[in-house]
Amino acid sequence: MKILRAEIQKLLASSYTRAMALTAFGVGVLLSVFDGIGMLAEPQRALDPGAVAAFYTDTVYLAWIFPAILGLLLMTSEFRWGTAIHTFLQTPRRGVVVAWKMVAAMLGGALIALSSLLGAFATATVILTVVGDFAAPEPGRLVGGTVGLILVGMVIAPLGVAVGALIRAQLAALAIFLGWMLLVEQAAAVALGPAGRYLPGALVPPALSLEWSTADLTGVFSSAVTPLGATFFLAAWAVLMGVVASYTTLRRDID
């Protein structure tokens, strides 16, 4: 627990956390403004509860990337700024340190998700007030998008930590991670066929789905593309990458 407390303190004090929170907030505002332009041009859309709920939550399909980047930066910054030696001297088992850092990153991921949602919700509320006549957002879709982004933030931030432990050079880790998730995996998913749905990037959209339902809570393994099932497999990827890093790159002497 001492290690966890230290990692949480570093998380909250880190400039990376503040930068990612502000960026996520700004992106939430910006995307809502773009969507709001259409809402102002077609005010009748504001009478559709589903469209209003989507207006509040559309930002989730981009905002998920910021918790992942935060986790990656939190890990690679240890090597970039030379603090890794002190961090890993806390215990001879380096994998334990990574595990606790991943747990702390879950808090960071939730905070970044909430920051993005706050920006989107505040902007959407202001724009709908300007429109004047609008329906209440559909509760299921509003809750689904909110819960989806928070849970994805909590599992993808640890995945970023694990990737950062595996690829210790910060710029290389960012380039490889973003390149894989946003570009390479699209081709890999097609090449792998049905198995491609289990790749991390392919799991993000269903995990963020606005169509959460009680069935998802009772049938985690019924389909790989249910929101809760996709979130579970994303968490499994984070654990797997953390284990791989613990038995490969982290076994080397720390420079």
Protein backbone atom coordinates (compact mmCIF):
# COMPACT_ATOMS: atom_id res chain seq x y z
CA MET A 1 0.00 0.00 0.00
CA LYS A 2 2.96 2.31 0.56
CA ILE A 3 3.85 1.97 -3.11
CA LEU A 4 0.26 2.65 -4.16
CA ARG A 5 0.11 5.81 -2.04
CA ALA A 6 3.35 7.01 -3.61
CA GLU A 7 2.05 6.34 -7.12
CA ILE A 8 -1.23 8.17 -6.42
CA GLN A 9 0.71 11.14 -5.07
CA LYS A 10 2.85 11.19 -8.23
CA LEU A 11 -0.26 10.90 -10.38
CA LEU A 12 -1.99 13.86 -8.72
CA ALA A 13 1.17 15.99 -8.69
CA SER A 14 2.17 15.21 -12.28
CA SER A 15 2.00 17.94 -14.90
CA TYR A 16 1.00 15.20 -17.35
CA THR A 17 -2.21 14.61 -15.38
CA ARG A 18 -3.11 18.30 -15.45
CA ALA A 19 -2.23 18.61 -19.14
CA MET A 20 -4.31 15.57 -20.12
CA ALA A 21 -7.26 16.74 -18.00
CA LEU A 22 -7.22 20.17 -19.62
CA THR A 23 -6.80 18.67 -23.10
CA ALA A 24 -9.66 16.23 -22.55
CA PHE A 25 -11.85 19.05 -21.24
CA GLY A 26 -11.00 21.23 -24.23
CA VAL A 27 -11.70 18.44 -26.71
CA GLY A 28 -15.04 17.78 -25.00
CA VAL A 29 -15.92 21.45 -25.42
CA LEU A 30 -14.70 21.62 -29.03
CA LEU A 31 -16.52 18.51 -30.22
CA SER A 32 -19.72 19.66 -28.54
CA VAL A 33 -19.41 23.05 -30.23
CA PHE A 34 -19.08 21.40 -33.65
CA ASP A 35 -22.08 19.18 -32.94
CA GLY A 36 -23.94 22.15 -31.49
CA ILE A 37 -23.59 24.09 -34.74
CA GLY A 38 -25.72 21.43 -36.40
CA MET A 39 -28.15 21.50 -33.48
CA LEU A 40 -28.53 25.28 -33.81
CA ALA A 41 -29.02 24.96 -37.58
CA GLU A 42 -31.64 22.23 -37.13
CA PRO A 43 -33.32 22.99 -33.79
CA GLN A 44 -35.88 20.24 -34.36
CA ARG A 45 -33.12 17.73 -33.51
CA ALA A 46 -33.26 19.02 -29.96
CA LEU A 47 -36.73 17.50 -29.63
CA ASP A 48 -35.35 13.97 -30.11
CA PRO A 49 -34.28 12.48 -26.73
CA GLY A 50 -31.82 10.13 -28.46
CA ALA A 51 -30.18 12.95 -30.41
CA VAL A 52 -29.89 15.05 -27.23
CA ALA A 53 -28.27 12.14 -25.39
CA ALA A 54 -25.83 11.66 -28.27
CA PHE A 55 -25.09 15.40 -28.21
CA TYR A 56 -23.96 15.03 -24.61
CA THR A 57 -21.90 11.89 -25.15
CA ASP A 58 -20.53 11.89 -28.74
CA THR A 59 -17.18 13.07 -27.38
CA VAL A 60 -16.55 9.63 -25.84
CA TYR A 61 -15.48 8.19 -29.19
CA LEU A 62 -12.38 10.39 -29.19
CA ALA A 63 -11.87 11.13 -25.48
CA TRP A 64 -10.86 7.53 -24.67
CA ILE A 65 -7.39 8.17 -26.10
CA PHE A 66 -6.41 10.66 -23.39
CA PRO A 67 -6.46 8.24 -20.42
CA ALA A 68 -4.31 5.86 -22.48
CA ILE A 69 -1.78 8.59 -23.23
CA LEU A 70 -1.73 9.60 -19.56
CA GLY A 71 -0.88 6.06 -18.48
CA LEU A 72 1.85 5.82 -21.08
CA LEU A 73 3.37 9.16 -20.06
CA LEU A 74 3.27 8.31 -16.36
CA MET A 75 5.39 5.22 -17.01
CA THR A 76 7.78 6.50 -19.65
CA SER A 77 8.44 9.72 -17.72
CA GLU A 78 10.14 7.58 -15.06
CA PHE A 79 12.77 6.61 -17.62
CA ARG A 80 12.88 9.96 -19.39
CA TRP A 81 13.58 11.97 -16.24
CA GLY A 82 15.72 9.36 -14.50
CA THR A 83 13.35 8.71 -11.59
CA ALA A 84 12.94 5.02 -12.49
CA ILE A 85 15.88 3.97 -10.32
CA HIS A 86 14.31 5.48 -7.20
CA THR A 87 10.86 4.14 -8.12
CA PHE A 88 12.01 0.56 -8.63
CA LEU A 89 14.23 0.56 -5.54
CA GLN A 90 11.03 0.50 -3.48
CA THR A 91 10.87 -3.26 -4.03
CA PRO A 92 13.13 -5.84 -5.70
CA ARG A 93 10.10 -7.09 -7.67
CA ARG A 94 9.71 -4.57 -10.46
CA GLY A 95 6.46 -6.10 -11.64
CA VAL A 96 4.86 -5.17 -8.31
CA VAL A 97 5.72 -1.50 -8.90
CA VAL A 98 4.19 -1.64 -12.36
CA ALA A 99 1.07 -3.32 -10.97
CA TRP A 100 0.55 -0.58 -8.38
CA LYS A 101 1.24 2.10 -10.98
CA MET A 102 -1.45 0.51 -13.15
CA VAL A 103 -3.88 0.60 -10.22
CA ALA A 104 -3.09 4.29 -9.63
CA ALA A 105 -3.56 4.91 -13.36
CA MET A 106 -7.14 3.66 -13.03
CA LEU A 107 -7.85 6.72 -10.88
CA GLY A 108 -6.13 8.93 -13.44
CA GLY A 109 -8.14 7.40 -16.27
CA ALA A 110 -11.40 8.05 -14.44
CA LEU A 111 -10.39 11.66 -13.74
CA ILE A 112 -9.51 12.29 -17.40
CA ALA A 113 -12.80 10.73 -18.54
CA LEU A 114 -14.75 12.90 -16.11
CA SER A 115 -12.89 15.99 -17.30
CA SER A 116 -13.86 15.29 -20.91
CA LEU A 117 -17.47 14.60 -19.95
CA LEU A 118 -17.59 17.80 -17.92
CA GLY A 119 -16.47 19.84 -20.92
CA ALA A 120 -19.00 18.14 -23.20
CA PHE A 121 -21.89 18.29 -20.75
CA ALA A 122 -21.33 21.97 -19.90
CA THR A 123 -21.10 22.99 -23.55
CA ALA A 124 -24.12 20.91 -24.58
CA THR A 125 -26.20 22.40 -21.77
CA VAL A 126 -25.31 25.94 -22.83
CA ILE A 127 -26.11 25.27 -26.49
CA LEU A 128 -29.41 23.57 -25.69
CA THR A 129 -30.34 26.53 -23.52
CA VAL A 130 -29.73 28.78 -26.52
CA VAL A 131 -31.90 26.50 -28.69
CA GLY A 132 -34.64 26.95 -26.10
CA ASP A 133 -37.06 24.09 -26.73
CA PHE A 134 -35.39 20.71 -26.18
CA ALA A 135 -36.23 17.25 -24.90
CA ALA A 136 -34.64 15.61 -21.88
CA PRO A 137 -31.83 13.27 -22.99
CA GLU A 138 -32.69 9.58 -23.23
CA PRO A 139 -31.52 8.24 -19.83
CA GLY A 140 -30.21 4.89 -21.06
CA ARG A 141 -28.00 6.39 -23.74
CA LEU A 142 -26.81 9.21 -21.51
CA VAL A 143 -25.88 6.85 -18.67
CA GLY A 144 -24.41 4.33 -21.12
CA GLY A 145 -22.06 6.84 -22.72
CA THR A 146 -21.01 8.25 -19.36
CA VAL A 147 -20.40 4.87 -17.73
CA GLY A 148 -18.70 3.57 -20.88
CA LEU A 149 -16.11 6.34 -21.03
CA ILE A 150 -15.34 6.18 -17.30
CA LEU A 151 -14.86 2.40 -17.36
CA VAL A 152 -12.80 2.51 -20.54
CA GLY A 153 -10.67 5.26 -19.02
CA MET A 154 -10.09 3.09 -15.97
CA VAL A 155 -8.89 0.10 -18.00
CA ILE A 156 -7.07 1.78 -20.88
CA ALA A 157 -4.91 4.02 -18.67
CA PRO A 158 -3.31 0.89 -17.11
CA LEU A 159 -2.83 -0.44 -20.65
CA GLY A 160 -0.87 2.74 -21.39
CA VAL A 161 1.27 2.12 -18.30
CA ALA A 162 1.99 -1.43 -19.46
CA VAL A 163 2.95 -0.29 -22.96
CA GLY A 164 5.18 2.39 -21.43
CA ALA A 165 6.92 -0.26 -19.33
CA LEU A 166 7.43 -2.38 -22.43
CA ILE A 167 8.64 0.47 -24.68
CA ARG A 168 10.55 2.74 -22.35
CA ALA A 169 11.42 5.53 -24.81
CA GLN A 170 8.61 8.08 -24.50
CA LEU A 171 8.36 9.31 -28.09
CA ALA A 172 8.73 5.81 -29.50
CA ALA A 173 6.08 4.48 -27.14
CA LEU A 174 3.63 7.24 -28.11
CA ALA A 175 4.25 6.73 -31.83
CA ILE A 176 3.96 2.95 -31.68
CA PHE A 177 0.89 2.95 -29.42
CA LEU A 178 -1.05 5.56 -31.37
CA GLY A 179 0.06 4.15 -34.70
CA TRP A 180 -1.05 0.68 -33.72
CA MET A 181 -4.40 1.65 -32.17
CA LEU A 182 -5.43 4.13 -34.86
CA LEU A 183 -3.81 2.77 -38.04
CA VAL A 184 -2.11 -0.63 -38.03
CA GLU A 185 -4.80 -2.43 -36.11
CA GLN A 186 -7.43 -1.59 -38.71
CA ALA A 187 -5.59 -3.80 -41.22
CA ALA A 188 -4.70 -6.39 -38.57
CA ALA A 189 -8.35 -6.74 -37.53
CA VAL A 190 -9.37 -7.49 -41.13
CA ALA A 191 -6.53 -9.98 -41.60
CA LEU A 192 -7.41 -11.86 -38.41
CA GLY A 193 -11.08 -12.19 -39.28
CA PRO A 194 -13.38 -12.95 -36.29
CA ALA A 195 -10.39 -12.96 -33.94
CA GLY A 196 -9.74 -9.34 -34.87
CA ARG A 197 -12.61 -8.20 -32.66
CA TYR A 198 -10.47 -9.06 -29.64
CA LEU A 199 -7.71 -6.59 -30.51
CA PRO A 200 -7.56 -3.58 -28.14
CA GLY A 201 -8.52 -0.94 -30.69
CA ALA A 202 -11.44 -3.05 -31.93
CA LEU A 203 -12.70 -3.43 -28.35
CA VAL A 204 -12.86 0.30 -27.64
CA PRO A 205 -15.95 1.21 -29.76
CA PRO A 206 -18.20 -1.51 -28.29
CA ALA A 207 -16.92 -0.71 -24.79
CA LEU A 208 -18.02 2.89 -25.36
CA SER A 209 -21.36 1.88 -26.83
CA LEU A 210 -24.36 3.92 -25.78
CA GLU A 211 -26.49 0.79 -25.85
CA TRP A 212 -25.65 -0.54 -22.39
CA SER A 213 -28.36 -2.76 -20.92
CA THR A 214 -28.94 -5.08 -17.97
CA ALA A 215 -28.17 -8.02 -20.28
CA ASP A 216 -24.58 -6.82 -20.51
CA LEU A 217 -24.24 -7.03 -16.75
CA THR A 218 -25.29 -10.68 -16.62
CA GLY A 219 -23.79 -12.00 -19.83
CA VAL A 220 -20.18 -10.80 -19.91
CA PHE A 221 -19.06 -13.68 -22.11
CA SER A 222 -22.18 -13.95 -24.27
CA SER A 223 -20.56 -11.88 -27.01
CA ALA A 224 -17.19 -10.22 -27.47
CA VAL A 225 -18.83 -7.00 -28.55
CA THR A 226 -21.06 -6.23 -25.56
CA PRO A 227 -19.89 -3.14 -23.69
CA LEU A 228 -19.06 -4.95 -20.46
CA GLY A 229 -17.43 -7.85 -22.30
CA ALA A 230 -15.28 -5.49 -24.37
CA THR A 231 -14.24 -3.63 -21.20
CA PHE A 232 -13.28 -6.93 -19.57
CA PHE A 233 -11.07 -7.91 -22.51
CA LEU A 234 -9.43 -4.47 -22.56
CA ALA A 235 -8.55 -5.01 -18.89
CA ALA A 236 -7.17 -8.44 -19.79
CA TRP A 237 -4.94 -6.82 -22.45
CA ALA A 238 -3.60 -4.40 -19.84
CA VAL A 239 -2.73 -7.25 -17.47
CA LEU A 240 -1.14 -9.28 -20.26
CA MET A 241 1.03 -6.38 -21.42
CA GLY A 242 2.04 -5.64 -17.84
CA VAL A 243 3.15 -9.25 -17.32
CA VAL A 244 5.09 -9.26 -20.59
CA ALA A 245 6.86 -6.03 -19.63
CA SER A 246 7.69 -7.39 -16.17
CA TYR A 247 9.40 -10.44 -17.65
CA THR A 248 11.15 -8.67 -20.55
CA THR A 249 12.21 -5.01 -20.59
CA LEU A 250 11.94 -4.47 -16.83
CA ARG A 251 14.36 -7.29 -16.13
CA ARG A 252 17.12 -5.26 -17.74
CA ASP A 253 19.23 -2.91 -15.69
CA ILE A 254 17.67 0.52 -15.43
CA ASP A 255 19.79 3.23 -17.03
